[in-house]
């Protein structure tokens, strides 16, 4: 019988036993500071001080994301209610509908937390904008 070649399936494709990986040489680090982020390398850059306009733009950005979070809460809540009604109408698949209802409820709560986080970030950016532009409100009462 002819000798058969065996190969194994790995997470990222085929790996034949006969093939050996090349020796990996360490890469010399450059002088610049950098760190590994979730999606690759990020170089640390020195940023110029933020202006009032920068904080205003940041506040708009957080406001937009807050509104998206609110829409997500509404959508997930509506889907949870839909699945609750489906569980009553379709007793044969009741467990599936209940599970999807609970998942949608969890998503609604999570997205609500995200919207609240963005709300706080928006308020912080607005406060920093006031401080940067020199508009400090003094509340006496």
Protein backbone atom coordinates (compact mmCIF):
# COMPACT_ATOMS: atom_id res chain seq x y z
CA UNK A 1 0.00 0.00 0.00
CA UNK A 2 1.13 3.52 -0.74
CA UNK A 3 2.02 5.61 2.21
CA UNK A 4 -0.84 8.00 2.95
CA UNK A 5 -0.21 11.53 4.07
CA UNK A 6 -2.09 12.46 7.21
CA UNK A 7 -2.90 15.99 8.08
CA UNK A 8 -4.78 17.54 10.93
CA UNK A 9 -7.47 20.18 10.92
CA UNK A 10 -6.79 23.03 13.28
CA UNK A 11 -8.77 26.08 14.22
CA UNK A 12 -7.24 28.19 11.46
CA UNK A 13 -6.95 25.65 8.67
CA UNK A 14 -4.90 22.60 7.73
CA UNK A 15 -1.56 21.79 9.25
CA UNK A 16 0.42 18.95 7.71
CA UNK A 17 2.69 17.02 10.02
CA UNK A 18 5.56 17.12 7.51
CA UNK A 19 5.57 20.91 7.46
CA UNK A 20 7.38 22.49 10.36
CA UNK A 21 6.82 26.11 11.21
CA UNK A 22 9.68 28.48 10.58
CA UNK A 23 11.62 29.63 13.58
CA UNK A 24 10.27 32.95 14.77
CA UNK A 25 12.88 35.58 15.52
CA UNK A 26 12.08 38.24 18.11
CA UNK A 27 11.24 41.61 16.66
CA UNK A 28 13.24 44.54 17.96
CA UNK A 29 10.99 47.09 19.59
CA UNK A 30 11.10 50.62 18.14
CA UNK A 31 11.95 53.56 20.39
CA UNK A 32 8.37 54.94 20.23
CA UNK A 33 5.98 54.02 23.00
CA UNK A 34 3.13 51.81 21.90
CA UNK A 35 0.78 49.30 23.40
CA UNK A 36 -1.25 46.41 22.14
CA UNK A 37 -4.94 47.18 21.91
CA UNK A 38 -7.79 44.85 21.20
CA UNK A 39 -7.41 45.37 17.44
CA UNK A 40 -3.67 45.86 17.07
CA UNK A 41 -0.92 48.30 17.91
CA UNK A 42 -1.64 51.81 19.09
CA UNK A 43 1.04 54.47 19.25
CA UNK A 44 0.76 56.92 22.08
CA UNK A 45 0.53 60.38 20.65
CA UNK A 46 0.84 63.61 22.54
CA UNK A 47 -2.44 65.43 22.12
CA UNK A 48 -2.90 69.17 22.01
CA UNK A 49 -5.04 70.59 24.80
CA UNK A 50 -8.73 70.30 24.03
CA UNK A 51 -10.67 73.41 23.14
CA UNK A 52 -14.29 74.24 23.93
CA UNK A 53 -15.20 73.15 20.39
CA UNK A 54 -13.57 69.76 20.97
CA UNK A 55 -15.64 69.25 24.10
CA UNK A 56 -18.77 70.38 22.27
CA UNK A 57 -18.11 67.83 19.53
CA UNK A 58 -17.49 65.16 22.17
CA UNK A 59 -20.80 66.04 23.88
CA UNK A 60 -22.64 65.71 20.54
CA UNK A 61 -20.96 62.37 19.96
CA UNK A 62 -22.09 61.04 23.36
CA UNK A 63 -25.60 62.47 22.87
CA UNK A 64 -25.89 60.62 19.57
CA UNK A 65 -24.78 57.35 21.16
CA UNK A 66 -27.13 57.91 24.10
CA UNK A 67 -30.06 58.25 21.67
CA UNK A 68 -28.98 55.08 19.86
CA UNK A 69 -28.91 53.31 23.22
CA UNK A 70 -32.43 54.52 23.99
CA UNK A 71 -33.63 53.20 20.63
CA UNK A 72 -31.95 49.88 21.39
CA UNK A 73 -33.79 49.67 24.73
CA UNK A 74 -37.10 50.34 22.99
CA UNK A 75 -36.42 47.76 20.27
CA UNK A 76 -35.28 45.05 22.69
CA UNK A 77 -38.22 45.76 25.00
CA UNK A 78 -40.67 45.53 22.11
CA UNK A 79 -39.13 42.25 21.00
CA UNK A 80 -39.38 40.88 24.55
CA UNK A 81 -43.08 41.74 24.65
CA UNK A 82 -43.56 40.17 21.22
CA UNK A 83 -41.94 36.93 22.38
CA UNK A 84 -44.05 36.94 25.54
CA UNK A 85 -47.20 37.08 23.41
CA UNK A 86 -45.85 34.42 21.05
CA UNK A 87 -45.26 32.08 24.02
CA UNK A 88 -48.95 32.34 24.88
CA UNK A 89 -50.12 31.89 21.27
CA UNK A 90 -47.73 29.04 20.40
CA UNK A 91 -47.72 26.53 23.29
CA UNK A 92 -45.78 24.02 21.21
CA UNK A 93 -42.73 26.31 21.15
CA UNK A 94 -43.38 28.02 24.47
CA UNK A 95 -39.93 27.30 25.92
CA UNK A 96 -38.17 28.77 22.90
CA UNK A 97 -40.27 31.94 23.05
CA UNK A 98 -39.69 32.30 26.80
CA UNK A 99 -35.94 31.93 26.30
CA UNK A 100 -35.92 34.59 23.56
CA UNK A 101 -38.05 36.82 25.77
CA UNK A 102 -35.51 36.56 28.60
CA UNK A 103 -32.61 37.20 26.22
CA UNK A 104 -34.35 40.29 24.85
CA UNK A 105 -34.97 41.52 28.40
CA UNK A 106 -31.28 41.08 29.22
CA UNK A 107 -30.31 42.96 26.05
CA UNK A 108 -32.70 45.79 26.96
CA UNK A 109 -31.15 46.12 30.42
CA UNK A 110 -27.61 46.01 29.00
CA UNK A 111 -28.30 48.60 26.33
CA UNK A 112 -30.03 50.73 28.97
CA UNK A 113 -26.81 50.65 30.97
CA UNK A 114 -24.89 51.70 27.88
CA UNK A 115 -27.28 54.61 27.28
CA UNK A 116 -26.88 55.71 30.90
CA UNK A 117 -23.09 55.51 30.56
CA UNK A 118 -23.21 57.69 27.45
CA UNK A 119 -25.52 60.13 29.26
CA UNK A 120 -22.95 60.54 32.02
CA UNK A 121 -20.13 60.94 29.47
CA UNK A 122 -22.20 63.61 27.68
CA UNK A 123 -22.73 65.51 30.93
CA UNK A 124 -19.01 65.30 31.72
CA UNK A 125 -18.10 66.62 28.25
CA UNK A 126 -20.59 69.48 28.65
CA UNK A 127 -19.06 70.37 32.03
CA UNK A 128 -15.55 70.30 30.54
CA UNK A 129 -16.77 72.45 27.63
CA UNK A 130 -18.08 75.06 30.08
CA UNK A 131 -14.78 75.05 31.96
CA UNK A 132 -12.74 75.32 28.75
CA UNK A 133 -14.80 78.22 27.41
CA UNK A 134 -14.78 80.06 30.72
CA UNK A 135 -18.52 79.76 31.27
CA UNK A 136 -18.69 78.70 34.88
CA UNK A 137 -22.13 78.84 36.40
CA UNK A 138 -22.25 79.82 40.04
CA UNK A 139 -25.30 78.41 41.72
CA UNK A 140 -25.91 80.40 44.85
CA UNK A 141 -29.23 78.83 45.79
